[in-house]
């Protein structure tokens, strides 16, 4: 199995775990990640849908991509895009809102590392050819 395919599978598994966690225990995970539980039933519902449902949707997409070589190329680009925009949005939040907890910093670091790994995987998976 190639490094790129392995990285897509790893992201599939991470998004499954994240998605299932936020689908079935959104208040608990919100408390762990942010230090506070959602204040209203609608906030919990939205957390289930956004953090749970979207993560499971991405996991499904990564699963489909990891199944064949052509899909891996799309999947690794997807991993790169998701991680870059998660990291940029989180960094913007840190700059604007300030006072991130340790978990926010850890997630930012993980997103940056995963984006760098995706770039490495993309280079290995799609080597530049010379004329």
Protein backbone atom coordinates (compact mmCIF):
# COMPACT_ATOMS: atom_id res chain seq x y z
CA UNK A 1 0.00 0.00 0.00
CA UNK A 2 1.34 3.42 -0.91
CA UNK A 3 1.96 6.20 1.59
CA UNK A 4 -0.75 8.30 -0.07
CA UNK A 5 -3.34 5.54 0.17
CA UNK A 6 -2.39 4.88 3.79
CA UNK A 7 -2.80 8.56 4.60
CA UNK A 8 -6.26 8.63 2.99
CA UNK A 9 -7.24 5.53 5.02
CA UNK A 10 -5.93 7.13 8.22
CA UNK A 11 -8.02 10.23 7.57
CA UNK A 12 -11.02 8.04 6.83
CA UNK A 13 -10.62 6.37 10.22
CA UNK A 14 -10.07 9.67 12.05
CA UNK A 15 -13.17 11.22 10.51
CA UNK A 16 -15.21 8.08 11.32
CA UNK A 17 -14.15 8.34 14.96
CA UNK A 18 -14.74 12.08 15.10
CA UNK A 19 -18.07 11.79 13.29
CA UNK A 20 -19.42 8.96 15.41
CA UNK A 21 -18.27 10.69 18.58
CA UNK A 22 -20.03 13.94 17.74
CA UNK A 23 -23.11 12.13 16.43
CA UNK A 24 -23.64 10.09 19.58
CA UNK A 25 -21.97 12.18 22.32
CA UNK A 26 -21.89 15.79 21.11
CA UNK A 27 -22.24 17.46 24.51
CA UNK A 28 -19.51 15.33 26.07
CA UNK A 29 -17.07 15.85 23.20
CA UNK A 30 -17.83 19.57 23.02
CA UNK A 31 -16.95 19.79 26.68
CA UNK A 32 -13.69 17.88 26.14
CA UNK A 33 -12.68 19.86 23.04
CA UNK A 34 -13.88 23.36 23.94
CA UNK A 35 -14.38 23.28 27.69
CA UNK A 36 -18.13 23.89 27.45
CA UNK A 37 -21.28 22.04 26.44
CA UNK A 38 -23.76 23.48 23.94
CA UNK A 39 -26.36 25.61 25.75
CA UNK A 40 -29.52 24.70 23.81
CA UNK A 41 -31.04 21.62 22.17
CA UNK A 42 -30.68 23.30 18.77
CA UNK A 43 -26.96 23.78 19.41
CA UNK A 44 -26.60 20.06 20.18
CA UNK A 45 -28.60 19.16 17.06
CA UNK A 46 -26.42 21.40 14.91
CA UNK A 47 -23.27 19.93 16.47
CA UNK A 48 -24.49 16.41 15.65
CA UNK A 49 -25.17 17.43 12.06
CA UNK A 50 -22.15 19.62 11.42
CA UNK A 51 -19.42 17.86 13.38
CA UNK A 52 -20.93 14.39 13.26
CA UNK A 53 -22.64 14.24 9.91
CA UNK A 54 -20.10 16.19 7.91
CA UNK A 55 -17.22 14.19 9.38
CA UNK A 56 -18.97 10.93 8.48
CA UNK A 57 -19.58 12.29 4.98
CA UNK A 58 -15.88 13.08 4.59
CA UNK A 59 -14.99 9.65 5.96
CA UNK A 60 -17.22 8.08 3.31
CA UNK A 61 -15.60 10.15 0.59
CA UNK A 62 -12.11 9.21 1.78
CA UNK A 63 -13.16 5.53 1.97
CA UNK A 64 -14.38 5.66 -1.63
CA UNK A 65 -11.18 7.40 -2.74
CA UNK A 66 -8.84 4.99 -0.97
CA UNK A 67 -10.29 1.96 -2.74
CA UNK A 68 -8.46 2.45 -6.06
CA UNK A 69 -5.37 4.22 -7.42
CA UNK A 70 -7.26 6.93 -9.31
CA UNK A 71 -9.33 7.67 -6.23
CA UNK A 72 -6.24 7.97 -4.03
CA UNK A 73 -5.09 10.96 -6.07
CA UNK A 74 -8.41 12.71 -5.45
CA UNK A 75 -8.49 11.58 -1.83
CA UNK A 76 -5.07 12.93 -0.95
CA UNK A 77 -5.98 16.27 -2.51
CA UNK A 78 -9.16 16.20 -0.45
CA UNK A 79 -7.19 15.50 2.72
CA UNK A 80 -4.89 18.41 1.89
CA UNK A 81 -7.78 20.80 1.26
CA UNK A 82 -9.69 19.81 4.39
CA UNK A 83 -6.63 20.06 6.62
CA UNK A 84 -5.44 23.38 5.20
CA UNK A 85 -8.85 25.00 5.64
CA UNK A 86 -9.37 23.52 9.11
CA UNK A 87 -5.97 24.88 10.16
CA UNK A 88 -6.51 28.30 8.58
CA UNK A 89 -9.97 28.65 10.12
CA UNK A 90 -8.73 27.52 13.53
CA UNK A 91 -5.77 29.91 13.31
CA UNK A 92 -8.11 32.76 12.37
CA UNK A 93 -10.24 31.90 15.39
CA UNK A 94 -7.20 31.93 17.65
CA UNK A 95 -6.14 35.33 16.31
CA UNK A 96 -9.62 36.88 16.50
CA UNK A 97 -10.96 35.20 19.64
CA UNK A 98 -7.74 34.57 21.57
CA UNK A 99 -7.17 32.32 24.58
CA UNK A 100 -7.26 28.88 22.92
CA UNK A 101 -7.21 25.89 25.23
CA UNK A 102 -4.52 23.24 24.86
CA UNK A 103 -6.84 21.06 22.76
CA UNK A 104 -7.26 23.84 20.16
CA UNK A 105 -3.48 24.18 19.86
CA UNK A 106 -3.11 20.40 19.61
CA UNK A 107 -5.75 20.21 16.87
CA UNK A 108 -4.06 23.04 14.96
CA UNK A 109 -0.72 21.23 15.17
CA UNK A 110 -2.31 17.95 14.03
CA UNK A 111 -3.99 19.69 11.07
CA UNK A 112 -0.71 21.30 9.99
CA UNK A 113 1.17 18.01 10.30
CA UNK A 114 -1.52 16.17 8.33
CA UNK A 115 -1.43 18.85 5.61
CA UNK A 116 2.36 18.53 5.35
CA UNK A 117 2.06 14.74 5.16
CA UNK A 118 -0.56 15.15 2.42
CA UNK A 119 1.85 17.33 0.42
CA UNK A 120 4.57 14.68 0.80
CA UNK A 121 2.12 11.95 -0.21
CA UNK A 122 0.94 13.97 -3.19
CA UNK A 123 4.51 14.44 -4.41
CA UNK A 124 5.23 10.72 -4.05
CA UNK A 125 1.93 9.73 -5.63
CA UNK A 126 2.14 12.18 -8.54
CA UNK A 127 5.83 12.62 -9.31
CA UNK A 128 6.78 15.52 -11.56
CA UNK A 129 8.02 14.26 -14.90
CA UNK A 130 10.58 16.07 -17.02
CA UNK A 131 10.42 16.42 -20.79
